[in-house]
Amino acid sequence: MSLISYKNDKAKRKILAFCFTMIPSAIVGVIEPLKRLQQKGELDFQYKDTEKISEADIISSDIVICIRGAETRELVLVEKAIHAGKYVIYYLDDDLLGIDASQTYNQNYFSNPSTIYNIRNMMEKSHCLWTTNPIIAERYLDFFENVIVTGAPALLLDADGETKKETKKVTKGAITIGYAGGVQHRSFFEYILYDPINRLIKEYAKKVKFEIFGFEPYYMDLHSVDFFPYIKDYKKYKQFMYCRNWDIALAPLPNSQFNACKYFNKYLEYGAIKAAGIYSNVSPFTNRIKNEYNGLLVANTVEDWYFAMIKLIENENLRNKIICAAEGDLRENFSVECISEDIMMKIAGLF
């Protein structure tokens, strides 16, 4: 099959989306953009967790979106929707069939034969794949009648509800360097950043401080490092991140086929909170970031990360250049308004 071409069809439709629970992927990629379209009167939308979906919900909908479905219950719902004559979209922002052994946090679940069976069957039965990554689109093209590729919005832009103009950031006191990630990223974080962070703490004394969100590294000098536990509730996480005053933010990521199928979510977050981001020089970051323009792209070596942090610590003008360029890019291309309009056009083009 080939990627679809889109026609300008503005028909108002009833859309039902479900996921096993309201995970950040569902909120960012699907729920918030479709809620915005509902607020504008362009469609009727409702989201429910998988276990709360009823047959009546399916019958009353025109389009059913299964978000990252992998459970038997979700396969049953997809089959019921198909049987009821509904248009079914399978939303995927990770290559769930390509999780490798490095993803220890959930590799056992997604390598289970029954999980693989469920995912493949949902793909084969669904009419359309919706993804944020062109690699996923190409990889699973033949499973679907249609494929749509969209962006995801930077929900941390103006998270307090007030639209702000782009402004130059002035650092007062110590330069704050932050990192946000789940516990599944701890081993690579320590491999790449343990040595650079400890060296910088010693070399820059009170000039820098570090904040690590999501886990506490096993081995790290606690001086000048603050740790914050993972926040499961996305609304609280968004507010927490929005209130950070990070000058520099770190996003190390291993180079792998699985990670290449991800989305550049950290760029959306770091740019929105006015932090100059340092990113591994790997896909998906290379899909959007231009080195020393809207971020720094760095090889995955200890020394490269060490010198990249020094570069931004010492060069306030470069920090501000990156901050302004990233925020400008997000406001122009990744606002909820912009992304939701693109989604509406592409969903309308399915009919």
C-alpha atoms as a PDB file:
ATOM      1  CA  MET A   1       0.000   0.000   0.000  1.00  0.00           C
ATOM      2  CA  SER A   2       1.024   3.631  -0.335  1.00  0.00           C
ATOM      3  CA  LEU A   3       0.634   6.690   1.830  1.00  0.00           C
ATOM      4  CA  ILE A   4      -2.732   8.310   1.211  1.00  0.00           C
ATOM      5  CA  SER A   5      -3.343  11.668  -0.414  1.00  0.00           C
ATOM      6  CA  TYR A   6      -5.683  13.932   1.470  1.00  0.00           C
ATOM      7  CA  LYS A   7      -8.790  15.711   0.309  1.00  0.00           C
ATOM      8  CA  ASN A   8     -10.426  18.667   2.008  1.00  0.00           C
ATOM      9  CA  ASP A   9     -13.422  16.986   3.642  1.00  0.00           C
ATOM     10  CA  LYS A  10     -14.726  18.802   6.745  1.00  0.00           C
ATOM     11  CA  ALA A  11     -17.553  16.365   7.600  1.00  0.00           C
ATOM     12  CA  LYS A  12     -18.210  16.299  11.335  1.00  0.00           C
ATOM     13  CA  ARG A  13     -17.763  12.793  12.732  1.00  0.00           C
ATOM     14  CA  LYS A  14     -18.053  10.995  16.053  1.00  0.00           C
ATOM     15  CA  ILE A  15     -14.708   9.653  17.202  1.00  0.00           C
ATOM     16  CA  LEU A  16     -14.091   7.221  20.055  1.00  0.00           C
ATOM     17  CA  ALA A  17     -10.546   6.575  21.292  1.00  0.00           C
ATOM     18  CA  PHE A  18      -9.398   4.052  23.849  1.00  0.00           C
ATOM     19  CA  CYS A  19      -6.168   2.963  25.526  1.00  0.00           C
ATOM     20  CA  PHE A  20      -5.479   0.585  28.426  1.00  0.00           C
ATOM     21  CA  THR A  21      -5.009   3.709  30.557  1.00  0.00           C
ATOM     22  CA  MET A  22      -4.499   7.418  29.947  1.00  0.00           C
ATOM     23  CA  ILE A  23      -0.754   7.289  29.344  1.00  0.00           C
ATOM     24  CA  PRO A  24       1.225  10.362  28.184  1.00  0.00           C
ATOM     25  CA  SER A  25       1.413   8.979  24.618  1.00  0.00           C
ATOM     26  CA  ALA A  26      -2.372   8.923  24.454  1.00  0.00           C
ATOM     27  CA  ILE A  27      -2.751  12.398  25.984  1.00  0.00           C
ATOM     28  CA  VAL A  28      -0.144  14.118  23.820  1.00  0.00           C
ATOM     29  CA  GLY A  29      -0.659  12.375  20.513  1.00  0.00           C
ATOM     30  CA  VAL A  30      -4.416  11.811  20.427  1.00  0.00           C
ATOM     31  CA  ILE A  31      -6.543  13.088  23.304  1.00  0.00           C
ATOM     32  CA  GLU A  32      -5.499  16.742  23.557  1.00  0.00           C
ATOM     33  CA  PRO A  33      -5.485  17.434  19.794  1.00  0.00           C
ATOM     34  CA  LEU A  34      -8.896  15.794  19.343  1.00  0.00           C
ATOM     35  CA  LYS A  35     -10.292  17.612  22.379  1.00  0.00           C
ATOM     36  CA  ARG A  36      -9.214  20.868  20.760  1.00  0.00           C
ATOM     37  CA  LEU A  37     -11.056  19.899  17.559  1.00  0.00           C
ATOM     38  CA  GLN A  38     -14.151  19.100  19.609  1.00  0.00           C
ATOM     39  CA  GLN A  39     -13.958  22.507  21.294  1.00  0.00           C
ATOM     40  CA  LYS A  40     -13.908  24.082  17.833  1.00  0.00           C
ATOM     41  CA  GLY A  41     -16.981  22.077  16.806  1.00  0.00           C
ATOM     42  CA  GLU A  42     -15.184  20.146  14.069  1.00  0.00           C
ATOM     43  CA  LEU A  43     -15.936  16.685  15.484  1.00  0.00           C
ATOM     44  CA  ASP A  44     -17.469  14.862  18.434  1.00  0.00           C
ATOM     45  CA  PHE A  45     -14.855  13.118  20.539  1.00  0.00           C
ATOM     46  CA  GLN A  46     -14.719  10.949  23.615  1.00  0.00           C
ATOM     47  CA  TYR A  47     -11.915   8.987  25.249  1.00  0.00           C
ATOM     48  CA  LYS A  48     -12.313   6.014  27.582  1.00  0.00           C
ATOM     49  CA  ASP A  49      -9.925   3.528  29.154  1.00  0.00           C
ATOM     50  CA  THR A  50     -10.148   0.102  27.497  1.00  0.00           C
ATOM     51  CA  GLU A  51     -11.978  -1.574  30.373  1.00  0.00           C
ATOM     52  CA  LYS A  52     -14.709   1.095  30.334  1.00  0.00           C
ATOM     53  CA  ILE A  53     -15.587   0.799  26.637  1.00  0.00           C
ATOM     54  CA  SER A  54     -19.053  -0.627  25.966  1.00  0.00           C
ATOM     55  CA  GLU A  55     -20.641  -1.978  22.813  1.00  0.00           C
ATOM     56  CA  ALA A  56     -22.944   1.060  22.844  1.00  0.00           C
ATOM     57  CA  ASP A  57     -19.885   3.354  22.728  1.00  0.00           C
ATOM     58  CA  ILE A  58     -18.707   1.610  19.582  1.00  0.00           C
ATOM     59  CA  ILE A  59     -22.135   1.596  17.921  1.00  0.00           C
ATOM     60  CA  SER A  60     -22.586   5.344  18.468  1.00  0.00           C
ATOM     61  CA  SER A  61     -19.220   6.211  16.891  1.00  0.00           C
ATOM     62  CA  ASP A  62     -18.136   6.685  13.288  1.00  0.00           C
ATOM     63  CA  ILE A  63     -14.418   6.242  13.894  1.00  0.00           C
ATOM     64  CA  VAL A  64     -12.755   4.087  16.575  1.00  0.00           C
ATOM     65  CA  ILE A  65      -9.111   4.765  17.493  1.00  0.00           C
ATOM     66  CA  CYS A  66      -7.161   2.065  19.300  1.00  0.00           C
ATOM     67  CA  ILE A  67      -4.134   3.672  20.981  1.00  0.00           C
ATOM     68  CA  ARG A  68      -1.097   1.355  21.255  1.00  0.00           C
ATOM     69  CA  GLY A  69      -3.376  -1.654  21.613  1.00  0.00           C
ATOM     70  CA  ALA A  70      -1.725  -4.882  22.801  1.00  0.00           C
ATOM     71  CA  GLU A  71      -4.250  -6.588  25.092  1.00  0.00           C
ATOM     72  CA  THR A  72      -6.730  -9.311  24.131  1.00  0.00           C
ATOM     73  CA  ARG A  73      -9.571  -7.076  25.338  1.00  0.00           C
ATOM     74  CA  GLU A  74      -8.432  -4.410  22.868  1.00  0.00           C
ATOM     75  CA  LEU A  75      -8.331  -6.906  20.006  1.00  0.00           C
ATOM     76  CA  VAL A  76     -11.919  -7.886  20.852  1.00  0.00           C
ATOM     77  CA  LEU A  77     -12.974  -4.222  20.750  1.00  0.00           C
ATOM     78  CA  VAL A  78     -11.309  -3.725  17.370  1.00  0.00           C
ATOM     79  CA  GLU A  79     -13.116  -6.797  16.032  1.00  0.00           C
ATOM     80  CA  LYS A  80     -16.446  -5.532  17.348  1.00  0.00           C
ATOM     81  CA  ALA A  81     -15.865  -2.144  15.743  1.00  0.00           C
ATOM     82  CA  ILE A  82     -15.060  -3.773  12.388  1.00  0.00           C
ATOM     83  CA  HIS A  83     -18.136  -5.999  12.649  1.00  0.00           C
ATOM     84  CA  ALA A  84     -20.259  -2.906  13.388  1.00  0.00           C
ATOM     85  CA  GLY A  85     -18.996  -1.234  10.222  1.00  0.00           C
ATOM     86  CA  LYS A  86     -16.865   1.401  11.959  1.00  0.00           C
ATOM     87  CA  TYR A  87     -13.677   2.886  10.564  1.00  0.00           C
ATOM     88  CA  VAL A  88     -10.832   1.708  12.813  1.00  0.00           C
ATOM     89  CA  ILE A  89      -7.553   3.565  13.264  1.00  0.00           C
ATOM     90  CA  TYR A  90      -4.588   2.017  15.079  1.00  0.00           C
ATOM     91  CA  TYR A  91      -2.386   4.680  16.716  1.00  0.00           C
ATOM     92  CA  LEU A  92       1.271   3.820  17.221  1.00  0.00           C
ATOM     93  CA  ASP A  93       4.096   6.075  18.416  1.00  0.00           C
ATOM     94  CA  ASP A  94       6.546   3.279  19.298  1.00  0.00           C
ATOM     95  CA  ASP A  95       7.537   0.212  17.296  1.00  0.00           C
ATOM     96  CA  LEU A  96       5.849  -2.225  19.672  1.00  0.00           C
ATOM     97  CA  LEU A  97       6.781  -5.180  17.455  1.00  0.00           C
ATOM     98  CA  GLY A  98      10.414  -4.091  17.367  1.00  0.00           C
ATOM     99  CA  ILE A  99      11.281  -3.741  21.054  1.00  0.00           C
ATOM    100  CA  ASP A 100      14.794  -5.097  21.564  1.00  0.00           C
ATOM    101  CA  ALA A 101      16.565  -6.572  24.571  1.00  0.00           C
ATOM    102  CA  SER A 102      17.893  -3.155  25.626  1.00  0.00           C
ATOM    103  CA  GLN A 103      14.354  -2.123  26.579  1.00  0.00           C
ATOM    104  CA  THR A 104      14.413  -4.138  29.796  1.00  0.00           C
ATOM    105  CA  TYR A 105      11.528  -2.220  31.380  1.00  0.00           C
ATOM    106  CA  ASN A 106       8.830  -3.779  29.147  1.00  0.00           C
ATOM    107  CA  GLN A 107      10.673  -6.134  26.810  1.00  0.00           C
ATOM    108  CA  ASN A 108       9.274  -9.293  28.416  1.00  0.00           C
ATOM    109  CA  TYR A 109       5.684  -8.143  27.939  1.00  0.00           C
ATOM    110  CA  PHE A 110       6.057  -7.117  24.304  1.00  0.00           C
ATOM    111  CA  SER A 111       8.050 -10.231  23.365  1.00  0.00           C
ATOM    112  CA  ASN A 112       5.278 -12.467  24.729  1.00  0.00           C
ATOM    113  CA  PRO A 113       3.729 -14.458  21.812  1.00  0.00           C
ATOM    114  CA  SER A 114       0.184 -13.547  22.858  1.00  0.00           C
ATOM    115  CA  THR A 115       1.037  -9.828  22.915  1.00  0.00           C
ATOM    116  CA  ILE A 116       2.641 -10.049  19.479  1.00  0.00           C
ATOM    117  CA  TYR A 117      -0.408 -11.947  18.195  1.00  0.00           C
ATOM    118  CA  ASN A 118      -2.751  -9.248  19.526  1.00  0.00           C
ATOM    119  CA  ILE A 119      -0.780  -6.360  18.022  1.00  0.00           C
ATOM    120  CA  ARG A 120      -0.400  -7.990  14.596  1.00  0.00           C
ATOM    121  CA  ASN A 121      -4.070  -8.905  14.462  1.00  0.00           C
ATOM    122  CA  MET A 122      -5.186  -5.404  15.411  1.00  0.00           C
ATOM    123  CA  MET A 123      -2.931  -4.002  12.707  1.00  0.00           C
ATOM    124  CA  GLU A 124      -4.265  -6.411  10.095  1.00  0.00           C
ATOM    125  CA  LYS A 125      -7.902  -5.739  10.990  1.00  0.00           C
ATOM    126  CA  SER A 126      -7.673  -1.938  11.314  1.00  0.00           C
ATOM    127  CA  HIS A 127      -8.251   0.258   8.297  1.00  0.00           C
ATOM    128  CA  CYS A 128      -5.638   2.912   9.013  1.00  0.00           C
ATOM    129  CA  LEU A 129      -2.353   3.396  10.843  1.00  0.00           C
ATOM    130  CA  TRP A 130      -1.834   6.763  12.547  1.00  0.00           C
ATOM    131  CA  THR A 131       1.727   7.407  13.643  1.00  0.00           C
ATOM    132  CA  THR A 132       4.108  10.242  14.504  1.00  0.00           C
ATOM    133  CA  ASN A 133       7.124   8.548  12.927  1.00  0.00           C
ATOM    134  CA  PRO A 134       7.708   8.035   9.173  1.00  0.00           C
ATOM    135  CA  ILE A 135       9.813   4.912   9.808  1.00  0.00           C
ATOM    136  CA  ILE A 136       6.849   3.235  11.500  1.00  0.00           C
ATOM    137  CA  ALA A 137       4.645   4.375   8.607  1.00  0.00           C
ATOM    138  CA  GLU A 138       6.899   2.683   6.046  1.00  0.00           C
ATOM    139  CA  ARG A 139       7.542  -0.414   8.151  1.00  0.00           C
ATOM    140  CA  TYR A 140       3.861  -1.291   8.610  1.00  0.00           C
ATOM    141  CA  LEU A 141       2.468   0.147   5.391  1.00  0.00           C
ATOM    142  CA  ASP A 142       1.285  -3.213   4.073  1.00  0.00           C
ATOM    143  CA  PHE A 143      -0.865  -3.941   7.138  1.00  0.00           C
ATOM    144  CA  PHE A 144      -3.290  -1.111   6.408  1.00  0.00           C
ATOM    145  CA  GLU A 145      -5.456   0.422   3.714  1.00  0.00           C
ATOM    146  CA  ASN A 146      -4.259   3.902   4.679  1.00  0.00           C
ATOM    147  CA  VAL A 147      -1.475   5.495   6.720  1.00  0.00           C
ATOM    148  CA  ILE A 148      -1.356   9.005   8.163  1.00  0.00           C
ATOM    149  CA  VAL A 149       1.671  10.671   9.729  1.00  0.00           C
ATOM    150  CA  THR A 150       1.228  13.697  11.988  1.00  0.00           C
ATOM    151  CA  GLY A 151       3.212  15.572  14.567  1.00  0.00           C
ATOM    152  CA  ALA A 152       2.469  15.722  18.285  1.00  0.00           C
ATOM    153  CA  PRO A 153       1.941  19.016  20.132  1.00  0.00           C
ATOM    154  CA  ALA A 154       4.207  20.710  22.652  1.00  0.00           C
ATOM    155  CA  LEU A 155       1.720  20.667  25.518  1.00  0.00           C
ATOM    156  CA  LEU A 156       4.108  22.426  27.888  1.00  0.00           C
ATOM    157  CA  LEU A 157       3.855  25.647  25.887  1.00  0.00           C
ATOM    158  CA  ASP A 158       1.980  28.082  28.135  1.00  0.00           C
ATOM    159  CA  ALA A 159       1.063  25.276  30.529  1.00  0.00           C
ATOM    160  CA  ASP A 160      -0.236  27.841  33.007  1.00  0.00           C
ATOM    161  CA  GLY A 161      -2.901  28.898  30.522  1.00  0.00           C
ATOM    162  CA  GLU A 162      -1.302  32.236  29.626  1.00  0.00           C
ATOM    163  CA  THR A 163       0.219  32.781  26.198  1.00  0.00           C
ATOM    164  CA  LYS A 164       3.680  34.303  26.498  1.00  0.00           C
ATOM    165  CA  LYS A 165       5.865  35.975  23.919  1.00  0.00           C
ATOM    166  CA  GLU A 166       9.323  34.646  23.176  1.00  0.00           C
ATOM    167  CA  THR A 167      11.785  36.423  25.438  1.00  0.00           C
ATOM    168  CA  LYS A 168      15.490  36.265  26.108  1.00  0.00           C
ATOM    169  CA  LYS A 169      16.262  34.172  29.175  1.00  0.00           C
ATOM    170  CA  VAL A 170      18.384  35.773  31.885  1.00  0.00           C
ATOM    171  CA  THR A 171      20.138  33.381  34.256  1.00  0.00           C
ATOM    172  CA  LYS A 172      20.377  34.529  37.853  1.00  0.00           C
ATOM    173  CA  GLY A 173      22.615  32.608  40.197  1.00  0.00           C
ATOM    174  CA  ALA A 174      23.755  29.078  39.387  1.00  0.00           C
ATOM    175  CA  ILE A 175      23.147  27.600  35.942  1.00  0.00           C
ATOM    176  CA  THR A 176      20.632  24.797  36.330  1.00  0.00           C
ATOM    177  CA  ILE A 177      21.067  21.692  34.193  1.00  0.00           C
ATOM    178  CA  GLY A 178      18.152  19.273  34.142  1.00  0.00           C
ATOM    179  CA  TYR A 179      17.254  15.807  32.981  1.00  0.00           C
ATOM    180  CA  ALA A 180      13.816  14.175  32.776  1.00  0.00           C
ATOM    181  CA  GLY A 181      13.287  10.488  32.038  1.00  0.00           C
ATOM    182  CA  GLY A 182      11.789   7.254  33.304  1.00  0.00           C
ATOM    183  CA  VAL A 183      13.568   4.589  35.307  1.00  0.00           C
ATOM    184  CA  GLN A 184      14.050   2.531  32.117  1.00  0.00           C
ATOM    185  CA  HIS A 185      16.590   5.157  31.015  1.00  0.00           C
ATOM    186  CA  ARG A 186      18.696   5.007  34.182  1.00  0.00           C
ATOM    187  CA  SER A 187      21.422   2.662  32.905  1.00  0.00           C
ATOM    188  CA  PHE A 188      22.178   4.708  29.791  1.00  0.00           C
ATOM    189  CA  PHE A 189      21.987   7.943  31.783  1.00  0.00           C
ATOM    190  CA  GLU A 190      24.633   6.638  34.170  1.00  0.00           C
ATOM    191  CA  TYR A 191      26.773   5.266  31.342  1.00  0.00           C
ATOM    192  CA  ILE A 192      26.879   8.606  29.503  1.00  0.00           C
ATOM    193  CA  LEU A 193      26.400  11.242  32.205  1.00  0.00           C
ATOM    194  CA  TYR A 194      27.739   9.934  35.523  1.00  0.00           C
ATOM    195  CA  ASP A 195      31.321  10.997  34.852  1.00  0.00           C
ATOM    196  CA  PRO A 196      30.590  14.349  33.113  1.00  0.00           C
ATOM    197  CA  ILE A 197      28.184  15.485  35.842  1.00  0.00           C
ATOM    198  CA  ASN A 198      30.553  14.654  38.676  1.00  0.00           C
ATOM    199  CA  ARG A 199      33.443  16.361  36.897  1.00  0.00           C
ATOM    200  CA  LEU A 200      31.397  19.498  36.245  1.00  0.00           C
ATOM    201  CA  ILE A 201      30.224  19.681  39.854  1.00  0.00           C
ATOM    202  CA  LYS A 202      33.839  19.679  40.994  1.00  0.00           C
ATOM    203  CA  GLU A 203      35.125  22.032  38.320  1.00  0.00           C
ATOM    204  CA  TYR A 204      32.348  24.613  38.445  1.00  0.00           C
ATOM    205  CA  ALA A 205      31.583  24.422  42.169  1.00  0.00           C
ATOM    206  CA  LYS A 206      28.658  26.740  42.899  1.00  0.00           C
ATOM    207  CA  LYS A 207      28.305  27.949  39.310  1.00  0.00           C
ATOM    208  CA  VAL A 208      26.165  24.961  38.267  1.00  0.00           C
ATOM    209  CA  LYS A 209      23.582  22.700  39.835  1.00  0.00           C
ATOM    210  CA  PHE A 210      21.779  19.638  38.514  1.00  0.00           C
ATOM    211  CA  GLU A 211      18.192  18.435  38.755  1.00  0.00           C
ATOM    212  CA  ILE A 212      17.318  14.867  37.840  1.00  0.00           C
ATOM    213  CA  PHE A 213      13.672  13.926  37.436  1.00  0.00           C
ATOM    214  CA  GLY A 214      12.314  10.386  37.256  1.00  0.00           C
ATOM    215  CA  PHE A 215      14.797   8.355  39.289  1.00  0.00           C
ATOM    216  CA  GLU A 216      17.830   8.617  41.556  1.00  0.00           C
ATOM    217  CA  PRO A 217      21.029   7.306  39.959  1.00  0.00           C
ATOM    218  CA  TYR A 218      22.718   4.502  41.865  1.00  0.00           C
ATOM    219  CA  TYR A 219      26.085   6.227  41.983  1.00  0.00           C
ATOM    220  CA  MET A 220      26.388   9.973  41.983  1.00  0.00           C
ATOM    221  CA  ASP A 221      27.841  12.675  44.193  1.00  0.00           C
ATOM    222  CA  LEU A 222      24.783  14.187  45.887  1.00  0.00           C
ATOM    223  CA  HIS A 223      26.397  17.610  46.171  1.00  0.00           C
ATOM    224  CA  SER A 224      24.637  20.118  43.885  1.00  0.00           C
ATOM    225  CA  VAL A 225      22.249  17.433  42.579  1.00  0.00           C
ATOM    226  CA  ASP A 226      18.526  17.417  43.369  1.00  0.00           C
ATOM    227  CA  PHE A 227      16.414  14.343  42.631  1.00  0.00           C
ATOM    228  CA  PHE A 228      12.683  14.270  41.949  1.00  0.00           C
ATOM    229  CA  PRO A 229      10.558  11.103  41.767  1.00  0.00           C
ATOM    230  CA  TYR A 230       8.581  10.117  38.697  1.00  0.00           C
ATOM    231  CA  ILE A 231       5.126  11.706  38.503  1.00  0.00           C
ATOM    232  CA  LYS A 232       2.523   9.373  37.002  1.00  0.00           C
ATOM    233  CA  ASP A 233      -0.248  11.961  36.654  1.00  0.00           C
ATOM    234  CA  TYR A 234       0.477  13.803  33.390  1.00  0.00           C
ATOM    235  CA  LYS A 235      -1.242  17.027  34.451  1.00  0.00           C
ATOM    236  CA  LYS A 236       0.955  17.204  37.551  1.00  0.00           C
ATOM    237  CA  TYR A 237       4.014  16.266  35.513  1.00  0.00           C
ATOM    238  CA  LYS A 238       3.275  19.054  33.049  1.00  0.00           C
ATOM    239  CA  GLN A 239       2.980  21.611  35.835  1.00  0.00           C
ATOM    240  CA  PHE A 240       6.153  20.324  37.497  1.00  0.00           C
ATOM    241  CA  MET A 241       8.145  20.608  34.284  1.00  0.00           C
ATOM    242  CA  TYR A 242       6.701  24.009  33.454  1.00  0.00           C
ATOM    243  CA  CYS A 243       7.877  25.349  36.822  1.00  0.00           C
ATOM    244  CA  ARG A 244      11.462  24.175  36.323  1.00  0.00           C
ATOM    245  CA  ASN A 245      13.947  26.943  35.717  1.00  0.00           C
ATOM    246  CA  TRP A 246      16.386  24.869  33.712  1.00  0.00           C
ATOM    247  CA  ASP A 247      18.941  26.696  31.617  1.00  0.00           C
ATOM    248  CA  ILE A 248      20.231  23.517  29.976  1.00  0.00           C
ATOM    249  CA  ALA A 249      18.443  20.172  29.566  1.00  0.00           C
ATOM    250  CA  LEU A 250      19.878  16.775  28.679  1.00  0.00           C
ATOM    251  CA  ALA A 251      18.445  14.077  26.402  1.00  0.00           C
ATOM    252  CA  PRO A 252      20.861  11.170  25.913  1.00  0.00           C
ATOM    253  CA  LEU A 253      19.407   8.314  23.842  1.00  0.00           C
ATOM    254  CA  PRO A 254      21.025   5.088  22.581  1.00  0.00           C
ATOM    255  CA  ASN A 255      21.307   4.647  18.831  1.00  0.00           C
ATOM    256  CA  SER A 256      18.984   1.766  17.934  1.00  0.00           C
ATOM    257  CA  GLN A 257      16.307   0.832  15.407  1.00  0.00           C
ATOM    258  CA  PHE A 258      13.709   0.919  18.173  1.00  0.00           C
ATOM    259  CA  ASN A 259      14.642   4.418  19.347  1.00  0.00           C
ATOM    260  CA  ALA A 260      14.718   5.670  15.743  1.00  0.00           C
ATOM    261  CA  CYS A 261      10.976   4.917  15.670  1.00  0.00           C
ATOM    262  CA  LYS A 262      10.272   7.213  18.611  1.00  0.00           C
ATOM    263  CA  TYR A 263       9.206  10.848  18.513  1.00  0.00           C
ATOM    264  CA  PHE A 264      11.317  13.817  19.638  1.00  0.00           C
ATOM    265  CA  ASN A 265       9.194  14.422  22.754  1.00  0.00           C
ATOM    266  CA  LYS A 266      12.114  15.754  24.793  1.00  0.00           C
ATOM    267  CA  TYR A 267      12.638  18.517  22.238  1.00  0.00           C
ATOM    268  CA  LEU A 268       8.976  19.497  22.620  1.00  0.00           C
ATOM    269  CA  GLU A 269       9.322  19.607  26.399  1.00  0.00           C
ATOM    270  CA  TYR A 270      12.712  21.265  26.728  1.00  0.00           C
ATOM    271  CA  GLY A 271      11.972  23.889  24.099  1.00  0.00           C
ATOM    272  CA  ALA A 272       8.673  24.748  25.771  1.00  0.00           C
ATOM    273  CA  ILE A 273      10.268  25.324  29.188  1.00  0.00           C
ATOM    274  CA  LYS A 274      12.983  27.565  27.694  1.00  0.00           C
ATOM    275  CA  ALA A 275      15.885  25.193  28.270  1.00  0.00           C
ATOM    276  CA  ALA A 276      18.721  24.821  25.776  1.00  0.00           C
ATOM    277  CA  GLY A 277      18.652  21.138  24.917  1.00  0.00           C
ATOM    278  CA  ILE A 278      21.587  18.801  24.375  1.00  0.00           C
ATOM    279  CA  TYR A 279      20.502  15.701  22.448  1.00  0.00           C
ATOM    280  CA  SER A 280      22.156  12.517  21.270  1.00  0.00           C
ATOM    281  CA  ASN A 281      23.034  12.779  17.591  1.00  0.00           C
ATOM    282  CA  VAL A 282      20.595  10.014  16.669  1.00  0.00           C
ATOM    283  CA  SER A 283      17.135   9.664  15.199  1.00  0.00           C
ATOM    284  CA  PRO A 284      14.515  10.857  16.133  1.00  0.00           C
ATOM    285  CA  PHE A 285      16.312  14.015  17.358  1.00  0.00           C
ATOM    286  CA  THR A 286      18.129  14.448  14.051  1.00  0.00           C
ATOM    287  CA  ASN A 287      14.712  14.593  12.342  1.00  0.00           C
ATOM    288  CA  ARG A 288      14.128  18.075  13.805  1.00  0.00           C
ATOM    289  CA  ILE A 289      17.181  19.508  15.524  1.00  0.00           C
ATOM    290  CA  LYS A 290      19.845  21.501  13.719  1.00  0.00           C
ATOM    291  CA  ASN A 291      23.104  21.555  15.625  1.00  0.00           C
ATOM    292  CA  GLU A 292      23.814  24.848  17.423  1.00  0.00           C
ATOM    293  CA  TYR A 293      20.560  26.311  16.099  1.00  0.00           C
ATOM    294  CA  ASN A 294      17.670  24.802  18.075  1.00  0.00           C
ATOM    295  CA  GLY A 295      19.762  22.363  20.096  1.00  0.00           C
ATOM    296  CA  LEU A 296      23.136  20.683  20.402  1.00  0.00           C
ATOM    297  CA  LEU A 297      23.569  17.268  18.748  1.00  0.00           C
ATOM    298  CA  VAL A 298      26.214  15.180  20.503  1.00  0.00           C
ATOM    299  CA  ALA A 299      27.875  11.824  19.866  1.00  0.00           C
ATOM    300  CA  ASN A 300      27.153   9.224  22.513  1.00  0.00           C
ATOM    301  CA  THR A 301      30.526   9.365  24.238  1.00  0.00           C
ATOM    302  CA  VAL A 302      31.325  10.546  27.743  1.00  0.00           C
ATOM    303  CA  GLU A 303      33.774  13.172  26.500  1.00  0.00           C
ATOM    304  CA  ASP A 304      31.413  14.608  23.887  1.00  0.00           C
ATOM    305  CA  TRP A 305      28.678  15.054  26.486  1.00  0.00           C
ATOM    306  CA  TYR A 306      31.141  16.601  28.934  1.00  0.00           C
ATOM    307  CA  PHE A 307      32.362  19.192  26.420  1.00  0.00           C
ATOM    308  CA  ALA A 308      28.834  19.902  25.137  1.00  0.00           C
ATOM    309  CA  MET A 309      27.725  20.857  28.645  1.00  0.00           C
ATOM    310  CA  ILE A 310      30.801  23.046  29.078  1.00  0.00           C
ATOM    311  CA  LYS A 311      30.016  24.784  25.780  1.00  0.00           C
ATOM    312  CA  LEU A 312      26.548  25.792  26.969  1.00  0.00           C
ATOM    313  CA  ILE A 313      27.671  26.624  30.506  1.00  0.00           C
ATOM    314  CA  GLU A 314      30.286  29.025  29.142  1.00  0.00           C
ATOM    315  CA  ASN A 315      28.335  30.463  26.220  1.00  0.00           C
ATOM    316  CA  GLU A 316      25.187  32.300  27.322  1.00  0.00           C
ATOM    317  CA  ASN A 317      24.631  33.715  23.831  1.00  0.00           C
ATOM    318  CA  LEU A 318      24.503  30.213  22.340  1.00  0.00           C
ATOM    319  CA  ARG A 319      22.130  29.091  25.082  1.00  0.00           C
ATOM    320  CA  ASN A 320      19.765  31.945  24.285  1.00  0.00           C
ATOM    321  CA  LYS A 321      20.038  31.367  20.539  1.00  0.00           C
ATOM    322  CA  ILE A 322      18.992  27.731  21.022  1.00  0.00           C
ATOM    323  CA  ILE A 323      16.215  28.625  23.463  1.00  0.00           C
ATOM    324  CA  CYS A 324      14.715  31.247  21.147  1.00  0.00           C
ATOM    325  CA  ALA A 325      14.974  29.092  18.012  1.00  0.00           C
ATOM    326  CA  ALA A 326      13.434  26.044  19.693  1.00  0.00           C
ATOM    327  CA  GLU A 327      10.579  27.979  21.255  1.00  0.00           C
ATOM    328  CA  GLY A 328       9.890  29.744  17.960  1.00  0.00           C
ATOM    329  CA  ASP A 329       9.786  26.420  16.133  1.00  0.00           C
ATOM    330  CA  LEU A 330       7.374  24.960  18.693  1.00  0.00           C
ATOM    331  CA  ARG A 331       5.024  27.937  18.580  1.00  0.00           C
ATOM    332  CA  GLU A 332       4.956  27.972  14.792  1.00  0.00           C
ATOM    333  CA  ASN A 333       4.764  24.239  14.105  1.00  0.00           C
ATOM    334  CA  PHE A 334       3.890  22.303  17.258  1.00  0.00           C
ATOM    335  CA  SER A 335       1.140  24.185  19.058  1.00  0.00           C
ATOM    336  CA  VAL A 336      -2.010  22.198  19.855  1.00  0.00           C
ATOM    337  CA  GLU A 337      -3.833  24.396  17.351  1.00  0.00           C
ATOM    338  CA  CYS A 338      -1.393  23.679  14.539  1.00  0.00           C
ATOM    339  CA  ILE A 339      -1.172  19.933  15.169  1.00  0.00           C
ATOM    340  CA  SER A 340      -4.929  19.495  15.628  1.00  0.00           C
ATOM    341  CA  GLU A 341      -5.639  21.232  12.314  1.00  0.00           C
ATOM    342  CA  ASP A 342      -3.225  18.897  10.534  1.00  0.00           C
ATOM    343  CA  ILE A 343      -4.848  15.875  12.188  1.00  0.00           C
ATOM    344  CA  MET A 344      -8.307  17.071  11.158  1.00  0.00           C
ATOM    345  CA  MET A 345      -7.244  17.470   7.550  1.00  0.00           C
ATOM    346  CA  LYS A 346      -5.744  14.005   7.422  1.00  0.00           C
ATOM    347  CA  ILE A 347      -8.619  12.253   9.174  1.00  0.00           C
ATOM    348  CA  ALA A 348     -11.062  14.033   6.870  1.00  0.00           C
ATOM    349  CA  GLY A 349      -8.995  12.834   3.927  1.00  0.00           C
ATOM    350  CA  LEU A 350      -9.731   9.212   4.813  1.00  0.00           C
ATOM    351  CA  PHE A 351     -13.306   9.500   3.553  1.00  0.00           C
END
